[in-house]
């Protein structure tokens, strides 16, 4: 009988997992540079790049001015000349300043040149929802980029997935938008250090169930799991799916789940109108209409600017109770 060596695991926060994946890439012989606001001696606005400046120096870990368009443009220039680039935009909301560089340049250059140019670029940016920072620092804008062919989108919900997906992003030859969540940075998980990178377009079934399917993004995966626990006490079995990447998107896992449960809710922090949930609902109408025994439910933030006050935040953002209510409507 052949013994199997155990895969080395360790407990990391999401922040530590991303930092570790960046270090591994920086230690490869391929030229690479990180650029962004306060990522140098300060260690990043939320501490994710802590220690990298001291280890790799200012020529590799480069602080950028308060000009997101220029920062992303510089990173694109690095990428197309053979230097793998990781660009940090310190709040997801600030991505608007660099949109032309992202969707007209980074996402298109490979196609403009008939494949002769590649753009090995990772744009890291955090969702800073539910933290009282108001309408200009709290938005979840991932659905904007689902509309743009040529850019991949990763949105991990835990440290293990953040590590595996970042490793894949740092091997990709073309642009990746890597969406993190500040509320998840400090949450710990077991991370397999010797496992293969997580391929894009591969969902994770966070919990198996038979009565309803809940597809949840980022921070809302934990809320969906809490809702599933609550519903299980009443004999209702909920399957929770974490897509992990939005482009490419693993629709097959959702369809397989729907064939079993016949009911679907989609859960995210972004505003409801034209959010990720709207796209999945539309695709289910096209690809899974015969499986559905109830209309798809969307659980999302209200369509209002994000408030600063605790009571306003509670009123605008969804939580586990809202997921429970959505599943109850599906089963009514």
C-alpha atoms as a PDB file:
ATOM      1  CA  UNK A   1       0.000   0.000   0.000  1.00  0.00           C
ATOM      2  CA  UNK A   2       1.418   3.366  -1.057  1.00  0.00           C
ATOM      3  CA  UNK A   3       1.270   6.128   1.522  1.00  0.00           C
ATOM      4  CA  UNK A   4       0.116   9.560   0.439  1.00  0.00           C
ATOM      5  CA  UNK A   5       2.012  12.546   1.749  1.00  0.00           C
ATOM      6  CA  UNK A   6      -0.354  15.059   3.384  1.00  0.00           C
ATOM      7  CA  UNK A   7      -0.648  18.439   1.747  1.00  0.00           C
ATOM      8  CA  UNK A   8       0.862  21.172   3.921  1.00  0.00           C
ATOM      9  CA  UNK A   9      -1.798  23.449   5.371  1.00  0.00           C
ATOM     10  CA  UNK A  10      -1.727  26.523   7.545  1.00  0.00           C
ATOM     11  CA  UNK A  11      -4.268  28.943   8.972  1.00  0.00           C
ATOM     12  CA  UNK A  12      -4.184  32.357   7.312  1.00  0.00           C
ATOM     13  CA  UNK A  13      -6.350  35.433   7.212  1.00  0.00           C
ATOM     14  CA  UNK A  14      -7.474  36.511   3.750  1.00  0.00           C
ATOM     15  CA  UNK A  15      -5.036  39.409   3.940  1.00  0.00           C
ATOM     16  CA  UNK A  16      -2.163  37.059   4.789  1.00  0.00           C
ATOM     17  CA  UNK A  17      -3.194  34.633   2.030  1.00  0.00           C
ATOM     18  CA  UNK A  18      -3.078  37.342  -0.646  1.00  0.00           C
ATOM     19  CA  UNK A  19       0.235  38.613   0.707  1.00  0.00           C
ATOM     20  CA  UNK A  20       1.679  35.099   0.558  1.00  0.00           C
ATOM     21  CA  UNK A  21       0.551  34.578  -3.046  1.00  0.00           C
ATOM     22  CA  UNK A  22       2.151  37.887  -4.016  1.00  0.00           C
ATOM     23  CA  UNK A  23       5.425  36.880  -2.307  1.00  0.00           C
ATOM     24  CA  UNK A  24       5.490  33.568  -4.160  1.00  0.00           C
ATOM     25  CA  UNK A  25       5.115  35.364  -7.487  1.00  0.00           C
ATOM     26  CA  UNK A  26       7.743  37.965  -6.581  1.00  0.00           C
ATOM     27  CA  UNK A  27      10.185  35.159  -5.806  1.00  0.00           C
ATOM     28  CA  UNK A  28       9.881  33.768  -9.346  1.00  0.00           C
ATOM     29  CA  UNK A  29      12.510  34.819 -11.912  1.00  0.00           C
ATOM     30  CA  UNK A  30       9.881  36.610 -14.033  1.00  0.00           C
ATOM     31  CA  UNK A  31      10.136  40.423 -13.721  1.00  0.00           C
ATOM     32  CA  UNK A  32       7.262  41.828 -11.666  1.00  0.00           C
ATOM     33  CA  UNK A  33       6.228  45.094 -10.037  1.00  0.00           C
ATOM     34  CA  UNK A  34       3.517  46.132  -7.588  1.00  0.00           C
ATOM     35  CA  UNK A  35       2.210  49.676  -7.866  1.00  0.00           C
ATOM     36  CA  UNK A  36      -0.481  51.522  -5.924  1.00  0.00           C
ATOM     37  CA  UNK A  37      -1.248  54.170  -3.349  1.00  0.00           C
ATOM     38  CA  UNK A  38       0.430  53.577   0.027  1.00  0.00           C
ATOM     39  CA  UNK A  39       1.504  50.005  -0.790  1.00  0.00           C
ATOM     40  CA  UNK A  40       5.158  50.725   0.061  1.00  0.00           C
ATOM     41  CA  UNK A  41       6.440  51.441   3.590  1.00  0.00           C
ATOM     42  CA  UNK A  42       2.856  51.894   4.826  1.00  0.00           C
ATOM     43  CA  UNK A  43       1.963  48.359   3.724  1.00  0.00           C
ATOM     44  CA  UNK A  44      -1.270  49.163   1.904  1.00  0.00           C
ATOM     45  CA  UNK A  45      -4.379  51.044   2.986  1.00  0.00           C
ATOM     46  CA  UNK A  46      -5.668  47.861   4.657  1.00  0.00           C
ATOM     47  CA  UNK A  47      -2.292  46.245   5.346  1.00  0.00           C
ATOM     48  CA  UNK A  48      -2.331  43.599   2.614  1.00  0.00           C
ATOM     49  CA  UNK A  49       1.126  44.459   1.226  1.00  0.00           C
ATOM     50  CA  UNK A  50       2.727  44.754   4.661  1.00  0.00           C
ATOM     51  CA  UNK A  51       6.397  43.709   4.664  1.00  0.00           C
ATOM     52  CA  UNK A  52       6.816  43.535   0.887  1.00  0.00           C
ATOM     53  CA  UNK A  53       8.547  46.909   0.534  1.00  0.00           C
ATOM     54  CA  UNK A  54      11.133  45.992   3.154  1.00  0.00           C
ATOM     55  CA  UNK A  55      11.853  42.655   1.481  1.00  0.00           C
ATOM     56  CA  UNK A  56      11.773  43.568  -2.217  1.00  0.00           C
ATOM     57  CA  UNK A  57      12.602  47.279  -2.254  1.00  0.00           C
ATOM     58  CA  UNK A  58      11.202  50.409  -3.824  1.00  0.00           C
ATOM     59  CA  UNK A  59      12.034  49.398  -7.412  1.00  0.00           C
ATOM     60  CA  UNK A  60       9.616  46.469  -7.118  1.00  0.00           C
ATOM     61  CA  UNK A  61       7.036  47.774  -4.612  1.00  0.00           C
ATOM     62  CA  UNK A  62       6.251  51.208  -5.963  1.00  0.00           C
ATOM     63  CA  UNK A  63       4.074  53.834  -4.294  1.00  0.00           C
ATOM     64  CA  UNK A  64       1.863  55.663  -6.796  1.00  0.00           C
ATOM     65  CA  UNK A  65       0.407  59.198  -6.767  1.00  0.00           C
ATOM     66  CA  UNK A  66      -3.283  59.946  -6.199  1.00  0.00           C
ATOM     67  CA  UNK A  67      -4.081  59.376  -9.869  1.00  0.00           C
ATOM     68  CA  UNK A  68      -5.726  56.023 -10.569  1.00  0.00           C
ATOM     69  CA  UNK A  69      -5.815  56.525 -14.342  1.00  0.00           C
ATOM     70  CA  UNK A  70      -2.073  57.171 -14.429  1.00  0.00           C
ATOM     71  CA  UNK A  71      -1.378  54.263 -12.084  1.00  0.00           C
ATOM     72  CA  UNK A  72      -3.343  51.759 -14.154  1.00  0.00           C
ATOM     73  CA  UNK A  73      -1.888  53.174 -17.378  1.00  0.00           C
ATOM     74  CA  UNK A  74       1.637  52.770 -16.018  1.00  0.00           C
ATOM     75  CA  UNK A  75       0.832  49.187 -14.983  1.00  0.00           C
ATOM     76  CA  UNK A  76      -0.501  48.417 -18.476  1.00  0.00           C
ATOM     77  CA  UNK A  77       2.739  49.787 -19.918  1.00  0.00           C
ATOM     78  CA  UNK A  78       4.748  47.506 -17.641  1.00  0.00           C
ATOM     79  CA  UNK A  79       2.638  44.505 -18.605  1.00  0.00           C
ATOM     80  CA  UNK A  80       2.881  44.909 -22.379  1.00  0.00           C
ATOM     81  CA  UNK A  81       6.672  45.319 -22.153  1.00  0.00           C
ATOM     82  CA  UNK A  82       7.155  42.075 -20.240  1.00  0.00           C
ATOM     83  CA  UNK A  83       6.911  43.061 -16.573  1.00  0.00           C
ATOM     84  CA  UNK A  84       4.048  41.354 -14.726  1.00  0.00           C
ATOM     85  CA  UNK A  85       2.164  44.138 -12.941  1.00  0.00           C
ATOM     86  CA  UNK A  86      -0.081  44.191  -9.884  1.00  0.00           C
ATOM     87  CA  UNK A  87      -1.914  47.469  -9.496  1.00  0.00           C
ATOM     88  CA  UNK A  88      -3.862  48.306  -6.333  1.00  0.00           C
ATOM     89  CA  UNK A  89      -6.814  50.710  -6.353  1.00  0.00           C
ATOM     90  CA  UNK A  90      -7.408  51.381  -2.683  1.00  0.00           C
ATOM     91  CA  UNK A  91     -11.237  51.593  -2.830  1.00  0.00           C
ATOM     92  CA  UNK A  92     -13.386  49.902  -5.482  1.00  0.00           C
ATOM     93  CA  UNK A  93     -15.266  53.190  -5.892  1.00  0.00           C
ATOM     94  CA  UNK A  94     -12.118  54.852  -7.273  1.00  0.00           C
ATOM     95  CA  UNK A  95     -12.026  52.489 -10.250  1.00  0.00           C
ATOM     96  CA  UNK A  96     -14.183  54.991 -12.135  1.00  0.00           C
ATOM     97  CA  UNK A  97     -11.213  57.318 -12.479  1.00  0.00           C
ATOM     98  CA  UNK A  98      -9.344  54.591 -14.382  1.00  0.00           C
ATOM     99  CA  UNK A  99     -12.198  53.072 -16.380  1.00  0.00           C
ATOM    100  CA  UNK A 100     -10.912  54.111 -19.807  1.00  0.00           C
ATOM    101  CA  UNK A 101      -7.537  52.550 -19.102  1.00  0.00           C
ATOM    102  CA  UNK A 102      -9.207  49.326 -17.950  1.00  0.00           C
ATOM    103  CA  UNK A 103     -11.978  48.731 -20.472  1.00  0.00           C
ATOM    104  CA  UNK A 104     -10.567  50.486 -23.547  1.00  0.00           C
ATOM    105  CA  UNK A 105      -6.897  49.593 -23.096  1.00  0.00           C
ATOM    106  CA  UNK A 106      -6.136  46.667 -20.778  1.00  0.00           C
ATOM    107  CA  UNK A 107      -9.120  44.587 -21.881  1.00  0.00           C
ATOM    108  CA  UNK A 108      -8.613  45.261 -25.600  1.00  0.00           C
ATOM    109  CA  UNK A 109      -4.869  45.230 -26.358  1.00  0.00           C
ATOM    110  CA  UNK A 110      -4.599  41.472 -26.833  1.00  0.00           C
ATOM    111  CA  UNK A 111      -7.390  41.679 -29.425  1.00  0.00           C
ATOM    112  CA  UNK A 112      -6.169  44.897 -31.076  1.00  0.00           C
ATOM    113  CA  UNK A 113      -2.862  43.205 -31.858  1.00  0.00           C
ATOM    114  CA  UNK A 114      -4.241  39.874 -33.043  1.00  0.00           C
ATOM    115  CA  UNK A 115      -2.788  38.173 -29.986  1.00  0.00           C
ATOM    116  CA  UNK A 116       0.724  39.545 -30.430  1.00  0.00           C
ATOM    117  CA  UNK A 117       0.548  41.516 -27.173  1.00  0.00           C
ATOM    118  CA  UNK A 118      -0.377  40.091 -23.803  1.00  0.00           C
ATOM    119  CA  UNK A 119      -1.267  42.135 -20.725  1.00  0.00           C
ATOM    120  CA  UNK A 120      -0.198  40.211 -17.585  1.00  0.00           C
ATOM    121  CA  UNK A 121      -1.894  42.624 -15.185  1.00  0.00           C
ATOM    122  CA  UNK A 122      -3.771  42.084 -11.930  1.00  0.00           C
ATOM    123  CA  UNK A 123      -5.857  44.989 -10.641  1.00  0.00           C
ATOM    124  CA  UNK A 124      -6.525  44.511  -6.925  1.00  0.00           C
ATOM    125  CA  UNK A 125      -9.313  46.498  -5.315  1.00  0.00           C
ATOM    126  CA  UNK A 126     -11.424  46.099  -2.159  1.00  0.00           C
ATOM    127  CA  UNK A 127     -15.127  46.394  -1.482  1.00  0.00           C
ATOM    128  CA  UNK A 128     -15.404  48.518   1.675  1.00  0.00           C
ATOM    129  CA  UNK A 129     -19.095  47.910   2.349  1.00  0.00           C
ATOM    130  CA  UNK A 130     -20.895  48.205   5.715  1.00  0.00           C
ATOM    131  CA  UNK A 131     -18.092  50.213   7.329  1.00  0.00           C
ATOM    132  CA  UNK A 132     -19.721  53.645   7.544  1.00  0.00           C
ATOM    133  CA  UNK A 133     -17.643  55.247   4.798  1.00  0.00           C
ATOM    134  CA  UNK A 134     -20.593  56.564   2.822  1.00  0.00           C
ATOM    135  CA  UNK A 135     -21.664  56.671  -0.809  1.00  0.00           C
ATOM    136  CA  UNK A 136     -18.244  57.296  -2.401  1.00  0.00           C
ATOM    137  CA  UNK A 137     -16.291  54.579  -0.544  1.00  0.00           C
ATOM    138  CA  UNK A 138     -18.707  51.666  -0.087  1.00  0.00           C
ATOM    139  CA  UNK A 139     -19.906  50.442  -3.476  1.00  0.00           C
ATOM    140  CA  UNK A 140     -19.763  46.965  -5.007  1.00  0.00           C
ATOM    141  CA  UNK A 141     -19.213  47.543  -8.723  1.00  0.00           C
ATOM    142  CA  UNK A 142     -18.304  44.077  -9.991  1.00  0.00           C
ATOM    143  CA  UNK A 143     -21.215  43.885 -12.449  1.00  0.00           C
ATOM    144  CA  UNK A 144     -19.764  46.831 -14.425  1.00  0.00           C
ATOM    145  CA  UNK A 145     -16.882  44.615 -15.498  1.00  0.00           C
ATOM    146  CA  UNK A 146     -18.984  41.582 -16.366  1.00  0.00           C
ATOM    147  CA  UNK A 147     -20.102  43.656 -19.366  1.00  0.00           C
ATOM    148  CA  UNK A 148     -16.533  43.994 -20.709  1.00  0.00           C
ATOM    149  CA  UNK A 149     -15.042  41.105 -22.705  1.00  0.00           C
ATOM    150  CA  UNK A 150     -11.291  40.738 -22.281  1.00  0.00           C
ATOM    151  CA  UNK A 151     -10.979  41.000 -18.501  1.00  0.00           C
ATOM    152  CA  UNK A 152     -11.334  38.204 -15.964  1.00  0.00           C
ATOM    153  CA  UNK A 153     -12.966  38.808 -12.571  1.00  0.00           C
ATOM    154  CA  UNK A 154     -12.197  36.995  -9.315  1.00  0.00           C
ATOM    155  CA  UNK A 155     -14.138  37.669  -6.105  1.00  0.00           C
ATOM    156  CA  UNK A 156     -13.093  35.316  -3.278  1.00  0.00           C
ATOM    157  CA  UNK A 157     -15.057  34.858  -0.052  1.00  0.00           C
ATOM    158  CA  UNK A 158     -12.369  33.255   2.144  1.00  0.00           C
ATOM    159  CA  UNK A 159      -8.622  32.990   2.642  1.00  0.00           C
ATOM    160  CA  UNK A 160      -8.206  29.624   0.904  1.00  0.00           C
ATOM    161  CA  UNK A 161      -9.947  30.811  -2.257  1.00  0.00           C
ATOM    162  CA  UNK A 162      -8.131  34.155  -2.175  1.00  0.00           C
ATOM    163  CA  UNK A 163      -4.802  32.311  -2.115  1.00  0.00           C
ATOM    164  CA  UNK A 164      -5.727  29.855  -4.875  1.00  0.00           C
ATOM    165  CA  UNK A 165      -7.338  32.441  -7.136  1.00  0.00           C
ATOM    166  CA  UNK A 166      -4.538  34.980  -6.705  1.00  0.00           C
ATOM    167  CA  UNK A 167      -2.017  32.325  -7.688  1.00  0.00           C
ATOM    168  CA  UNK A 168      -4.014  31.707 -10.878  1.00  0.00           C
ATOM    169  CA  UNK A 169      -4.303  35.446 -11.531  1.00  0.00           C
ATOM    170  CA  UNK A 170      -0.523  35.810 -11.209  1.00  0.00           C
ATOM    171  CA  UNK A 171       0.007  33.153 -13.876  1.00  0.00           C
ATOM    172  CA  UNK A 172      -2.462  34.635 -16.365  1.00  0.00           C
ATOM    173  CA  UNK A 173      -1.239  36.323 -19.516  1.00  0.00           C
ATOM    174  CA  UNK A 174      -4.057  38.869 -19.635  1.00  0.00           C
ATOM    175  CA  UNK A 175      -5.901  41.224 -17.257  1.00  0.00           C
ATOM    176  CA  UNK A 176      -7.588  40.085 -14.068  1.00  0.00           C
ATOM    177  CA  UNK A 177      -9.721  42.244 -11.789  1.00  0.00           C
ATOM    178  CA  UNK A 178      -9.270  40.805  -8.295  1.00  0.00           C
ATOM    179  CA  UNK A 179     -12.065  42.039  -6.020  1.00  0.00           C
ATOM    180  CA  UNK A 180     -11.440  41.660  -2.304  1.00  0.00           C
ATOM    181  CA  UNK A 181     -13.652  42.542   0.667  1.00  0.00           C
ATOM    182  CA  UNK A 182     -12.317  44.479   3.631  1.00  0.00           C
ATOM    183  CA  UNK A 183     -14.704  42.736   6.027  1.00  0.00           C
ATOM    184  CA  UNK A 184     -13.105  39.423   5.066  1.00  0.00           C
ATOM    185  CA  UNK A 185      -9.455  40.447   5.375  1.00  0.00           C
ATOM    186  CA  UNK A 186      -9.215  39.356   9.020  1.00  0.00           C
ATOM    187  CA  UNK A 187     -11.171  36.092   8.745  1.00  0.00           C
ATOM    188  CA  UNK A 188      -9.100  32.935   9.007  1.00  0.00           C
ATOM    189  CA  UNK A 189      -9.292  29.680   7.081  1.00  0.00           C
ATOM    190  CA  UNK A 190      -7.195  26.590   6.488  1.00  0.00           C
ATOM    191  CA  UNK A 191      -5.095  27.101   3.349  1.00  0.00           C
ATOM    192  CA  UNK A 192      -3.453  24.246   1.444  1.00  0.00           C
ATOM    193  CA  UNK A 193      -0.081  25.662   0.451  1.00  0.00           C
ATOM    194  CA  UNK A 194       0.892  22.867  -1.931  1.00  0.00           C
ATOM    195  CA  UNK A 195      -2.424  22.559  -3.755  1.00  0.00           C
ATOM    196  CA  UNK A 196      -2.853  23.589  -7.371  1.00  0.00           C
ATOM    197  CA  UNK A 197      -4.009  27.168  -8.108  1.00  0.00           C
ATOM    198  CA  UNK A 198      -7.801  27.422  -8.312  1.00  0.00           C
ATOM    199  CA  UNK A 199      -8.825  27.591 -11.979  1.00  0.00           C
ATOM    200  CA  UNK A 200     -11.031  30.481 -13.002  1.00  0.00           C
ATOM    201  CA  UNK A 201     -14.587  29.473 -13.868  1.00  0.00           C
ATOM    202  CA  UNK A 202     -14.783  26.903 -11.066  1.00  0.00           C
ATOM    203  CA  UNK A 203     -17.500  27.414  -8.420  1.00  0.00           C
ATOM    204  CA  UNK A 204     -17.380  26.099  -4.870  1.00  0.00           C
ATOM    205  CA  UNK A 205     -20.381  24.356  -3.340  1.00  0.00           C
ATOM    206  CA  UNK A 206     -20.122  25.780   0.166  1.00  0.00           C
ATOM    207  CA  UNK A 207     -23.034  23.690   1.445  1.00  0.00           C
ATOM    208  CA  UNK A 208     -25.092  20.966  -0.180  1.00  0.00           C
ATOM    209  CA  UNK A 209     -28.885  21.020  -0.064  1.00  0.00           C
ATOM    210  CA  UNK A 210     -32.025  19.823  -1.803  1.00  0.00           C
ATOM    211  CA  UNK A 211     -34.845  22.375  -1.327  1.00  0.00           C
ATOM    212  CA  UNK A 212     -33.414  25.643  -2.699  1.00  0.00           C
ATOM    213  CA  UNK A 213     -30.191  26.981  -4.213  1.00  0.00           C
ATOM    214  CA  UNK A 214     -28.579  30.204  -2.997  1.00  0.00           C
ATOM    215  CA  UNK A 215     -25.766  31.722  -5.077  1.00  0.00           C
ATOM    216  CA  UNK A 216     -23.862  34.256  -2.987  1.00  0.00           C
ATOM    217  CA  UNK A 217     -20.890  36.556  -3.564  1.00  0.00           C
ATOM    218  CA  UNK A 218     -18.033  37.666  -1.350  1.00  0.00           C
ATOM    219  CA  UNK A 219     -19.142  38.703   2.153  1.00  0.00           C
ATOM    220  CA  UNK A 220     -22.662  37.401   1.506  1.00  0.00           C
ATOM    221  CA  UNK A 221     -21.477  33.778   1.341  1.00  0.00           C
ATOM    222  CA  UNK A 222     -21.206  33.768   5.145  1.00  0.00           C
ATOM    223  CA  UNK A 223     -24.652  35.363   5.434  1.00  0.00           C
ATOM    224  CA  UNK A 224     -26.080  32.708   3.102  1.00  0.00           C
ATOM    225  CA  UNK A 225     -24.494  29.937   5.182  1.00  0.00           C
ATOM    226  CA  UNK A 226     -25.939  31.456   8.361  1.00  0.00           C
ATOM    227  CA  UNK A 227     -29.359  31.553   6.690  1.00  0.00           C
ATOM    228  CA  UNK A 228     -28.965  27.913   5.638  1.00  0.00           C
ATOM    229  CA  UNK A 229     -28.177  26.959   9.237  1.00  0.00           C
ATOM    230  CA  UNK A 230     -31.297  28.767  10.446  1.00  0.00           C
ATOM    231  CA  UNK A 231     -33.501  27.160   7.797  1.00  0.00           C
ATOM    232  CA  UNK A 232     -32.065  23.701   8.529  1.00  0.00           C
ATOM    233  CA  UNK A 233     -33.494  23.939  12.036  1.00  0.00           C
ATOM    234  CA  UNK A 234     -36.916  23.997  10.365  1.00  0.00           C
ATOM    235  CA  UNK A 235     -36.151  21.099   8.056  1.00  0.00           C
ATOM    236  CA  UNK A 236     -35.380  23.219   4.967  1.00  0.00           C
ATOM    237  CA  UNK A 237     -32.255  22.137   3.075  1.00  0.00           C
ATOM    238  CA  UNK A 238     -30.402  24.922   1.229  1.00  0.00           C
ATOM    239  CA  UNK A 239     -27.514  24.516  -1.205  1.00  0.00           C
ATOM    240  CA  UNK A 240     -25.067  27.451  -1.128  1.00  0.00           C
ATOM    241  CA  UNK A 241     -22.865  28.120  -4.163  1.00  0.00           C
ATOM    242  CA  UNK A 242     -19.934  30.555  -4.223  1.00  0.00           C
ATOM    243  CA  UNK A 243     -19.068  31.351  -7.886  1.00  0.00           C
ATOM    244  CA  UNK A 244     -15.548  32.581  -6.955  1.00  0.00           C
ATOM    245  CA  UNK A 245     -15.113  34.119 -10.427  1.00  0.00           C
ATOM    246  CA  UNK A 246     -17.583  36.132 -12.494  1.00  0.00           C
ATOM    247  CA  UNK A 247     -15.630  36.020 -15.765  1.00  0.00           C
ATOM    248  CA  UNK A 248     -15.302  33.272 -16.716  1.00  0.00           C
ATOM    249  CA  UNK A 249     -18.495  32.185 -14.968  1.00  0.00           C
ATOM    250  CA  UNK A 250     -19.429  28.638 -13.991  1.00  0.00           C
ATOM    251  CA  UNK A 251     -23.090  28.430 -14.986  1.00  0.00           C
ATOM    252  CA  UNK A 252     -23.049  24.640 -15.162  1.00  0.00           C
ATOM    253  CA  UNK A 253     -22.782  24.219 -11.383  1.00  0.00           C
ATOM    254  CA  UNK A 254     -25.854  26.424 -10.904  1.00  0.00           C
ATOM    255  CA  UNK A 255     -27.811  24.543 -13.550  1.00  0.00           C
ATOM    256  CA  UNK A 256     -26.906  21.203 -11.964  1.00  0.00           C
ATOM    257  CA  UNK A 257     -28.064  22.484  -8.590  1.00  0.00           C
ATOM    258  CA  UNK A 258     -31.331  23.820 -10.060  1.00  0.00           C
ATOM    259  CA  UNK A 259     -32.124  20.461 -11.596  1.00  0.00           C
ATOM    260  CA  UNK A 260     -32.135  19.180  -8.018  1.00  0.00           C
ATOM    261  CA  UNK A 261     -33.693  22.053  -6.036  1.00  0.00           C
ATOM    262  CA  UNK A 262     -35.843  23.841  -8.705  1.00  0.00           C
ATOM    263  CA  UNK A 263     -35.556  27.127  -6.771  1.00  0.00           C
ATOM    264  CA  UNK A 264     -32.919  29.864  -6.834  1.00  0.00           C
ATOM    265  CA  UNK A 265     -31.978  32.997  -4.910  1.00  0.00           C
ATOM    266  CA  UNK A 266     -28.982  35.181  -5.820  1.00  0.00           C
ATOM    267  CA  UNK A 267     -27.381  37.210  -3.039  1.00  0.00           C
ATOM    268  CA  UNK A 268     -24.909  40.120  -3.197  1.00  0.00           C
ATOM    269  CA  UNK A 269     -23.982  43.446  -1.595  1.00  0.00           C
ATOM    270  CA  UNK A 270     -24.271  45.420  -4.839  1.00  0.00           C
ATOM    271  CA  UNK A 271     -27.396  47.384  -5.717  1.00  0.00           C
ATOM    272  CA  UNK A 272     -30.226  45.242  -7.015  1.00  0.00           C
ATOM    273  CA  UNK A 273     -30.793  46.895 -10.389  1.00  0.00           C
ATOM    274  CA  UNK A 274     -28.466  45.414 -13.034  1.00  0.00           C
ATOM    275  CA  UNK A 275     -26.375  43.665 -10.399  1.00  0.00           C
ATOM    276  CA  UNK A 276     -24.849  40.206 -10.710  1.00  0.00           C
ATOM    277  CA  UNK A 277     -28.181  38.692  -9.649  1.00  0.00           C
ATOM    278  CA  UNK A 278     -29.988  40.205 -12.638  1.00  0.00           C
ATOM    279  CA  UNK A 279     -27.613  38.492 -15.067  1.00  0.00           C
ATOM    280  CA  UNK A 280     -27.987  35.120 -13.370  1.00  0.00           C
ATOM    281  CA  UNK A 281     -31.774  35.461 -13.273  1.00  0.00           C
ATOM    282  CA  UNK A 282     -31.807  36.236 -17.004  1.00  0.00           C
ATOM    283  CA  UNK A 283     -29.561  33.299 -17.840  1.00  0.00           C
ATOM    284  CA  UNK A 284     -31.761  30.981 -15.786  1.00  0.00           C
ATOM    285  CA  UNK A 285     -34.752  32.106 -17.815  1.00  0.00           C
ATOM    286  CA  UNK A 286     -32.846  31.247 -20.984  1.00  0.00           C
ATOM    287  CA  UNK A 287     -31.113  28.058 -19.870  1.00  0.00           C
ATOM    288  CA  UNK A 288     -33.111  26.655 -16.944  1.00  0.00           C
ATOM    289  CA  UNK A 289     -36.717  27.776 -17.342  1.00  0.00           C
ATOM    290  CA  UNK A 290     -38.001  24.204 -17.306  1.00  0.00           C
ATOM    291  CA  UNK A 291     -36.242  23.519 -13.995  1.00  0.00           C
ATOM    292  CA  UNK A 292     -37.722  26.476 -12.114  1.00  0.00           C
ATOM    293  CA  UNK A 293     -40.728  26.010  -9.845  1.00  0.00           C
ATOM    294  CA  UNK A 294     -40.657  29.645  -8.657  1.00  0.00           C
ATOM    295  CA  UNK A 295     -39.345  33.003  -9.893  1.00  0.00           C
ATOM    296  CA  UNK A 296     -35.672  33.673  -9.138  1.00  0.00           C
ATOM    297  CA  UNK A 297     -35.292  35.819  -6.021  1.00  0.00           C
ATOM    298  CA  UNK A 298     -32.684  38.586  -5.814  1.00  0.00           C
ATOM    299  CA  UNK A 299     -31.341  39.635  -2.411  1.00  0.00           C
ATOM    300  CA  UNK A 300     -29.292  42.810  -2.768  1.00  0.00           C
ATOM    301  CA  UNK A 301     -28.635  46.326  -1.496  1.00  0.00           C
ATOM    302  CA  UNK A 302     -31.374  48.894  -1.982  1.00  0.00           C
ATOM    303  CA  UNK A 303     -31.066  51.206  -4.983  1.00  0.00           C
ATOM    304  CA  UNK A 304     -29.997  54.256  -2.982  1.00  0.00           C
ATOM    305  CA  UNK A 305     -26.604  55.869  -2.301  1.00  0.00           C
ATOM    306  CA  UNK A 306     -24.872  54.061   0.553  1.00  0.00           C
ATOM    307  CA  UNK A 307     -25.435  55.851   3.901  1.00  0.00           C
ATOM    308  CA  UNK A 308     -22.885  56.371   6.687  1.00  0.00           C
ATOM    309  CA  UNK A 309     -25.013  55.761   9.776  1.00  0.00           C
ATOM    310  CA  UNK A 310     -25.344  52.288  11.356  1.00  0.00           C
ATOM    311  CA  UNK A 311     -29.131  52.401  11.056  1.00  0.00           C
ATOM    312  CA  UNK A 312     -28.898  53.450   7.407  1.00  0.00           C
ATOM    313  CA  UNK A 313     -26.399  50.705   6.614  1.00  0.00           C
ATOM    314  CA  UNK A 314     -28.645  48.132   8.274  1.00  0.00           C
ATOM    315  CA  UNK A 315     -31.607  49.341   6.231  1.00  0.00           C
ATOM    316  CA  UNK A 316     -29.780  49.314   2.869  1.00  0.00           C
ATOM    317  CA  UNK A 317     -27.690  46.133   2.956  1.00  0.00           C
ATOM    318  CA  UNK A 318     -29.090  42.571   3.016  1.00  0.00           C
ATOM    319  CA  UNK A 319     -28.275  40.038   5.716  1.00  0.00           C
ATOM    320  CA  UNK A 320     -29.010  36.420   6.671  1.00  0.00           C
ATOM    321  CA  UNK A 321     -32.595  37.281   7.610  1.00  0.00           C
ATOM    322  CA  UNK A 322     -33.203  38.612   4.102  1.00  0.00           C
ATOM    323  CA  UNK A 323     -31.827  35.394   2.647  1.00  0.00           C
ATOM    324  CA  UNK A 324     -34.147  33.390   4.890  1.00  0.00           C
ATOM    325  CA  UNK A 325     -37.108  35.484   3.723  1.00  0.00           C
ATOM    326  CA  UNK A 326     -36.147  34.929   0.070  1.00  0.00           C
ATOM    327  CA  UNK A 327     -36.003  31.152   0.531  1.00  0.00           C
ATOM    328  CA  UNK A 328     -39.387  31.257   2.303  1.00  0.00           C
ATOM    329  CA  UNK A 329     -40.843  33.063  -0.712  1.00  0.00           C
ATOM    330  CA  UNK A 330     -39.369  30.442  -3.020  1.00  0.00           C
ATOM    331  CA  UNK A 331     -41.014  27.659  -1.024  1.00  0.00           C
ATOM    332  CA  UNK A 332     -44.353  29.370  -0.429  1.00  0.00           C
END
